[in-house]
N, C-alpha and C. Protein backbone atom coordinates (compact mmCIF):
# COMPACT_ATOMS: atom_id res chain seq x y z
N MET A 1 37.36 40.51 52.28
CA MET A 1 37.26 40.12 51.22
C MET A 1 38.17 39.10 50.65
N ALA A 2 37.80 37.97 50.27
CA ALA A 2 38.99 36.97 49.96
C ALA A 2 39.85 37.36 49.00
N SER A 3 40.82 36.79 48.93
CA SER A 3 41.82 37.32 47.79
C SER A 3 41.26 36.64 46.39
N GLY A 4 41.28 37.56 45.24
CA GLY A 4 41.02 37.10 43.92
C GLY A 4 39.21 37.10 43.80
N ALA A 5 38.47 37.65 44.85
CA ALA A 5 37.00 38.26 44.79
C ALA A 5 36.85 39.73 43.87
N SER A 6 35.50 39.93 43.60
CA SER A 6 35.54 40.72 42.94
C SER A 6 34.62 41.70 43.10
N LEU A 7 34.41 42.85 42.90
CA LEU A 7 33.59 43.89 43.25
C LEU A 7 32.81 44.92 42.09
N CYS A 8 31.72 44.90 42.11
CA CYS A 8 30.96 45.95 40.66
C CYS A 8 31.92 47.44 41.13
N LEU A 9 32.11 47.97 39.92
CA LEU A 9 32.59 49.51 40.05
C LEU A 9 31.78 50.44 39.85
N GLY A 10 31.40 51.81 39.79
CA GLY A 10 30.55 52.65 39.49
C GLY A 10 30.47 53.00 38.23
N VAL A 11 31.08 54.12 37.46
CA VAL A 11 30.51 55.04 36.49
C VAL A 11 31.24 54.12 34.94
N PRO A 12 30.34 54.16 33.93
CA PRO A 12 30.92 53.07 32.82
C PRO A 12 31.47 54.27 32.12
N LEU A 13 32.51 53.61 31.26
CA LEU A 13 33.56 54.58 30.03
C LEU A 13 32.40 55.04 29.22
N HIS A 14 32.47 56.18 28.46
CA HIS A 14 31.84 56.73 27.41
C HIS A 14 32.16 56.26 26.33
N ARG A 15 33.12 55.73 25.89
CA ARG A 15 33.35 55.42 24.81
C ARG A 15 34.73 54.52 24.79
N LEU A 16 35.07 53.64 24.00
CA LEU A 16 36.15 52.79 23.83
C LEU A 16 36.35 52.39 22.22
N TRP A 17 37.71 52.65 21.88
CA TRP A 17 37.73 52.69 20.15
C TRP A 17 39.01 51.66 20.21
N ALA A 18 39.42 50.83 19.33
CA ALA A 18 40.22 49.90 19.00
C ALA A 18 41.56 50.70 18.29
N VAL A 19 42.46 50.49 19.01
CA VAL A 19 43.80 51.20 18.43
C VAL A 19 45.10 50.50 17.72
N ARG A 20 44.79 48.94 18.35
CA ARG A 20 45.41 47.98 17.60
C ARG A 20 44.34 46.49 17.98
N PRO A 21 44.58 45.55 16.95
CA PRO A 21 44.17 44.42 17.29
C PRO A 21 44.33 43.89 18.73
N GLY A 22 43.28 43.98 19.47
CA GLY A 22 42.61 43.46 20.64
C GLY A 22 42.88 44.56 21.84
N ILE A 23 43.43 45.60 21.49
CA ILE A 23 43.81 46.82 22.17
C ILE A 23 42.75 48.16 22.30
N TYR A 24 42.11 48.51 23.25
CA TYR A 24 41.29 49.31 22.92
C TYR A 24 41.84 50.72 24.08
N GLU A 25 41.37 51.96 23.82
CA GLU A 25 41.66 53.35 24.31
C GLU A 25 40.30 53.60 24.85
N ASP A 26 39.99 54.13 26.02
CA ASP A 26 38.73 54.73 27.04
C ASP A 26 39.29 56.29 26.65
N GLU A 27 38.42 57.16 26.92
CA GLU A 27 38.15 58.62 26.83
C GLU A 27 39.38 59.46 27.68
N LYS A 28 39.54 58.52 28.61
CA LYS A 28 40.96 59.15 29.56
C LYS A 28 42.06 58.46 29.39
N GLY A 29 42.32 57.84 28.25
CA GLY A 29 43.78 57.34 27.71
C GLY A 29 44.29 56.16 28.46
N ARG A 30 43.37 55.42 29.28
CA ARG A 30 43.33 54.12 29.28
C ARG A 30 43.39 53.22 28.22
N THR A 31 44.57 52.29 28.52
CA THR A 31 44.23 50.96 27.49
C THR A 31 43.70 49.76 28.20
N TRP A 32 42.89 49.29 27.47
CA TRP A 32 42.00 47.92 27.82
C TRP A 32 42.45 46.68 26.68
N VAL A 33 43.07 45.79 27.29
CA VAL A 33 43.40 44.52 26.86
C VAL A 33 42.22 43.60 26.68
N THR A 34 42.03 43.13 25.49
CA THR A 34 41.09 41.87 25.34
C THR A 34 41.44 40.65 25.70
N VAL A 35 41.23 39.81 26.85
CA VAL A 35 41.77 38.85 27.40
C VAL A 35 40.79 37.86 27.33
N VAL A 36 39.88 37.69 26.63
CA VAL A 36 38.80 36.45 26.72
C VAL A 36 37.80 36.93 25.74
N VAL A 37 37.48 36.11 24.86
CA VAL A 37 36.50 36.43 24.20
C VAL A 37 35.59 35.07 24.13
N ARG A 38 34.42 34.90 24.33
CA ARG A 38 33.70 33.81 24.45
C ARG A 38 32.47 33.74 23.52
N LEU A 39 32.17 32.77 22.60
CA LEU A 39 31.08 32.70 21.63
C LEU A 39 30.56 31.41 22.07
N SER A 40 29.26 31.50 22.52
CA SER A 40 28.24 30.37 22.58
C SER A 40 27.05 30.64 22.29
N PRO A 41 26.15 29.40 22.02
CA PRO A 41 24.62 29.81 21.72
C PRO A 41 24.09 30.62 23.08
N SER A 42 22.95 31.72 22.76
CA SER A 42 22.88 32.28 23.53
C SER A 42 21.26 31.46 24.16
N GLN A 43 21.12 32.16 25.63
CA GLN A 43 19.61 31.57 25.88
C GLN A 43 18.59 31.52 25.40
N ARG A 44 18.50 32.55 24.74
CA ARG A 44 17.23 32.27 23.54
C ARG A 44 17.16 31.63 22.33
N ALA A 45 18.51 31.47 21.91
CA ALA A 45 18.46 30.81 20.71
C ALA A 45 18.27 29.20 21.17
N ARG A 46 18.81 28.98 22.52
CA ARG A 46 18.69 27.52 22.99
C ARG A 46 17.42 27.00 23.29
N GLY A 47 17.01 28.27 23.87
CA GLY A 47 15.19 27.70 24.51
C GLY A 47 14.16 27.90 23.37
N ARG A 48 14.45 28.59 22.67
CA ARG A 48 13.06 29.52 21.69
C ARG A 48 13.29 29.15 19.95
N ALA A 49 14.77 28.65 19.70
CA ALA A 49 14.68 28.41 18.01
C ALA A 49 13.99 27.64 17.55
N PRO A 50 13.14 27.88 16.64
CA PRO A 50 12.36 26.89 16.03
C PRO A 50 13.13 25.77 15.50
N GLN A 51 12.29 24.56 15.51
CA GLN A 51 13.06 23.48 15.24
C GLN A 51 13.99 23.65 13.57
N GLY A 52 15.16 23.26 13.59
CA GLY A 52 15.79 23.67 11.95
C GLY A 52 16.47 24.93 12.22
N GLY A 53 16.05 25.94 12.97
CA GLY A 53 16.19 27.31 13.04
C GLY A 53 17.90 27.15 13.17
N GLN A 54 18.33 27.97 13.24
CA GLN A 54 20.01 28.25 13.38
C GLN A 54 19.92 28.92 14.50
N HIS A 55 21.25 28.65 15.48
CA HIS A 55 21.35 29.51 16.94
C HIS A 55 22.22 30.75 16.80
N GLU A 56 21.94 31.19 17.29
CA GLU A 56 22.32 32.61 17.37
C GLU A 56 23.33 32.81 18.44
N PRO A 57 24.61 33.39 17.86
CA PRO A 57 25.68 33.13 19.01
C PRO A 57 25.96 34.24 20.10
N SER A 58 26.25 33.87 21.03
CA SER A 58 26.51 35.27 22.42
C SER A 58 27.46 35.54 22.97
N ASN A 59 27.90 36.34 22.25
CA ASN A 59 29.66 37.03 22.46
C ASN A 59 29.75 37.51 23.39
N THR A 60 30.80 37.03 24.37
CA THR A 60 31.29 37.80 25.81
C THR A 60 32.36 38.01 25.62
N VAL A 61 32.81 39.41 25.99
CA VAL A 61 34.02 40.17 25.86
C VAL A 61 34.72 40.42 27.09
N HIS A 62 35.77 40.10 27.66
CA HIS A 62 36.56 40.58 28.85
C HIS A 62 37.97 41.16 28.39
N MET A 63 37.73 42.50 29.57
CA MET A 63 38.82 43.23 28.90
C MET A 63 39.57 43.42 30.35
N TRP A 64 40.72 43.86 30.33
CA TRP A 64 41.40 44.15 31.33
C TRP A 64 42.10 45.58 31.36
N GLN A 65 42.16 46.61 32.13
CA GLN A 65 42.67 47.65 32.06
C GLN A 65 43.88 47.61 32.62
N MET A 66 44.72 47.97 31.56
CA MET A 66 46.22 47.55 32.21
C MET A 66 47.31 48.73 30.91
N PRO A 67 48.42 49.07 31.68
CA PRO A 67 49.33 49.94 30.51
C PRO A 67 49.82 48.66 29.58
N VAL A 68 50.35 49.24 28.18
CA VAL A 68 50.73 48.61 27.24
C VAL A 68 51.67 49.62 26.85
N HIS A 69 53.04 48.90 26.23
CA HIS A 69 53.93 49.63 25.53
C HIS A 69 53.23 50.37 24.44
N PRO A 70 53.85 51.86 24.81
CA PRO A 70 53.06 52.91 23.94
C PRO A 70 53.64 52.48 22.26
N ARG A 71 52.57 52.54 21.35
CA ARG A 71 52.91 52.53 19.82
C ARG A 71 52.05 53.50 19.24
N GLU A 72 51.89 53.35 18.21
CA GLU A 72 51.28 54.43 17.30
C GLU A 72 49.78 53.54 16.86
N PRO A 73 48.87 54.41 17.37
CA PRO A 73 47.91 53.53 17.02
C PRO A 73 47.25 53.47 15.46
N MET A 74 46.94 52.10 15.03
CA MET A 74 46.28 51.97 13.82
C MET A 74 45.13 52.78 13.54
N SER A 75 45.31 53.10 11.97
CA SER A 75 43.47 53.53 11.51
C SER A 75 42.82 52.35 11.56
N PRO A 76 41.40 52.55 11.20
CA PRO A 76 40.38 51.64 11.27
C PRO A 76 40.78 50.93 9.87
N SER A 77 41.13 51.29 8.89
CA SER A 77 41.44 50.82 7.49
C SER A 77 42.68 49.61 7.76
N GLN A 78 43.64 49.91 9.05
CA GLN A 78 44.78 49.25 9.03
C GLN A 78 44.37 47.75 9.84
N LEU A 79 43.43 47.83 10.75
CA LEU A 79 43.06 46.72 11.56
C LEU A 79 42.57 45.63 11.33
N PRO A 80 43.12 44.45 11.39
CA PRO A 80 42.18 43.51 10.55
C PRO A 80 40.92 43.17 10.83
N LEU A 81 40.07 42.39 10.01
CA LEU A 81 38.73 42.04 10.43
C LEU A 81 38.46 41.43 11.70
N SER A 82 37.65 41.61 12.64
CA SER A 82 37.45 41.07 13.73
C SER A 82 35.73 41.02 13.86
N GLN A 83 35.40 40.30 14.88
CA GLN A 83 33.97 40.16 15.22
C GLN A 83 33.77 41.14 16.33
N LEU A 84 34.81 41.72 16.91
CA LEU A 84 34.60 42.85 17.96
C LEU A 84 34.87 44.14 17.35
N PRO A 85 33.86 45.14 18.12
CA PRO A 85 33.42 46.39 17.22
C PRO A 85 34.82 47.11 17.32
N LEU A 86 34.97 48.05 16.05
CA LEU A 86 36.31 49.05 16.60
C LEU A 86 35.77 50.09 17.74
N VAL A 87 34.46 50.25 17.64
CA VAL A 87 34.04 51.54 18.77
C VAL A 87 33.19 51.19 19.79
N TRP A 88 32.64 51.09 20.78
CA TRP A 88 31.59 51.04 21.84
C TRP A 88 31.64 52.26 22.29
N GLN A 89 30.15 52.79 22.18
CA GLN A 89 29.87 53.83 22.73
C GLN A 89 28.82 53.68 23.63
N LEU A 90 28.65 54.48 24.73
CA LEU A 90 27.78 54.49 26.06
C LEU A 90 26.35 54.65 25.29
N TYR A 91 25.66 53.64 25.78
CA TYR A 91 24.17 53.96 25.40
C TYR A 91 23.33 53.95 26.60
N PRO A 92 22.06 54.53 26.25
CA PRO A 92 21.12 54.56 27.88
C PRO A 92 20.90 52.92 28.55
N GLY A 93 20.72 52.85 29.71
CA GLY A 93 20.31 51.60 29.97
C GLY A 93 21.65 50.52 30.46
N ARG A 94 22.80 51.34 30.75
CA ARG A 94 23.86 50.40 31.10
C ARG A 94 24.45 49.27 30.06
N ARG A 95 24.72 50.24 28.91
CA ARG A 95 24.81 49.46 27.39
C ARG A 95 25.52 50.09 27.07
N TYR A 96 26.33 49.42 25.82
CA TYR A 96 26.92 49.99 24.93
C TYR A 96 26.80 50.10 23.30
N ARG A 97 26.55 50.62 22.29
CA ARG A 97 26.40 50.60 21.00
C ARG A 97 27.62 50.55 20.29
N ALA A 98 27.60 49.35 19.44
CA ALA A 98 29.08 49.42 18.65
C ALA A 98 28.47 50.07 17.55
N MET A 99 29.52 50.17 16.50
CA MET A 99 29.46 50.97 15.15
C MET A 99 28.47 50.38 14.19
N ASP A 100 28.28 48.97 14.13
CA ASP A 100 27.33 48.16 13.73
C ASP A 100 25.96 47.98 14.13
N SER A 101 25.65 48.68 15.33
CA SER A 101 24.50 48.78 16.13
C SER A 101 24.32 47.78 17.01
N ARG A 102 25.13 46.80 16.95
CA ARG A 102 25.07 45.73 18.04
C ARG A 102 24.80 46.12 19.27
N LEU A 103 24.33 45.71 20.42
CA LEU A 103 24.16 46.31 21.56
C LEU A 103 24.97 45.19 22.95
N TRP A 104 25.64 45.93 23.53
CA TRP A 104 26.30 45.20 24.58
C TRP A 104 26.21 45.56 26.00
N LYS A 105 25.92 44.58 27.15
CA LYS A 105 25.82 45.14 28.34
C LYS A 105 26.90 45.31 29.17
N TRP A 106 27.03 46.36 29.86
CA TRP A 106 28.28 46.93 30.61
C TRP A 106 28.42 46.09 32.16
N TRP A 107 29.88 45.88 31.99
CA TRP A 107 29.70 45.12 33.66
C TRP A 107 31.33 45.58 34.27
N THR A 108 31.37 46.33 35.07
CA THR A 108 32.98 46.16 35.51
C THR A 108 33.48 45.62 36.52
N MET A 109 34.45 45.01 36.87
CA MET A 109 34.73 44.28 38.41
C MET A 109 36.36 44.91 38.65
N ALA A 110 36.54 45.26 39.48
CA ALA A 110 37.75 45.12 40.26
C ALA A 110 38.27 43.97 40.92
N ARG A 111 39.37 43.66 40.54
CA ARG A 111 39.95 42.05 40.38
C ARG A 111 40.95 42.45 41.86
N GLN A 112 40.77 41.53 43.04
CA GLN A 112 41.62 42.16 44.28
C GLN A 112 43.19 41.65 43.49
N ILE A 113 43.30 40.68 42.91
CA ILE A 113 44.54 40.50 42.55
C ILE A 113 44.98 41.29 41.74
N ALA A 114 46.13 42.29 42.16
CA ALA A 114 47.10 43.56 41.25
C ALA A 114 45.98 44.30 40.97
N SER A 115 44.72 44.61 41.60
CA SER A 115 43.98 45.65 41.67
C SER A 115 43.59 46.05 40.08
N THR A 116 43.38 45.13 39.62
CA THR A 116 43.13 45.09 37.70
C THR A 116 41.77 45.17 37.95
N GLU A 117 41.38 46.63 37.03
CA GLU A 117 39.95 46.32 36.78
C GLU A 117 39.39 45.82 35.53
N GLN A 118 38.17 45.20 35.67
CA GLN A 118 38.10 44.13 34.52
C GLN A 118 36.47 44.49 33.76
N LEU A 119 36.68 44.63 32.47
CA LEU A 119 35.34 45.22 31.88
C LEU A 119 34.84 43.77 31.21
N ILE A 120 33.55 43.58 31.46
CA ILE A 120 32.90 42.33 30.82
C ILE A 120 31.87 42.72 29.96
N LEU A 121 32.01 42.44 28.53
CA LEU A 121 30.28 43.10 27.74
C LEU A 121 30.00 41.70 26.91
N PRO A 122 28.55 41.70 27.64
CA PRO A 122 28.08 40.13 27.21
C PRO A 122 27.27 41.22 25.63
N GLN A 123 27.01 40.52 24.49
CA GLN A 123 26.33 41.18 23.88
C GLN A 123 24.86 40.99 23.66
N LEU A 124 24.08 41.83 23.89
CA LEU A 124 22.70 41.70 23.72
C LEU A 124 22.06 41.51 22.39
N TRP A 125 20.98 40.72 22.30
CA TRP A 125 19.81 40.43 21.13
C TRP A 125 18.75 41.65 21.27
N PRO A 126 18.10 41.45 20.22
CA PRO A 126 16.71 42.67 20.18
C PRO A 126 16.23 42.22 20.96
N GLY A 127 15.42 43.01 22.16
CA GLY A 127 14.50 42.51 23.05
C GLY A 127 15.04 42.35 24.16
N GLU A 128 16.28 42.44 24.52
CA GLU A 128 17.15 41.93 25.47
C GLU A 128 17.21 43.01 26.60
């Protein structure tokens, strides 16, 4: 496999919860750092939006599993407002459900560079 190539890994995480802005922890105590958040018009909004209608955003979150300097987790009330969920809970069909009921598809990759596991969570829209 070429350097920098990726491969899909197996079992999804059961839960991710925010412990600090941009940092999540899974049920095994591993930390996941938000490295990229992409906001763009969704395929559905671009192709089927009524004229004059609003485009729905399509969010994709990329996280890397990596150790971070240990600090006290923040309570949900201490975390700043964010478009990212405070908690992602595993849901049937390779999806996560956020506390606000938004659904996110689950992808995970193993990066050959530094053996970093990457989690990719594109937001789904109703009916997807």
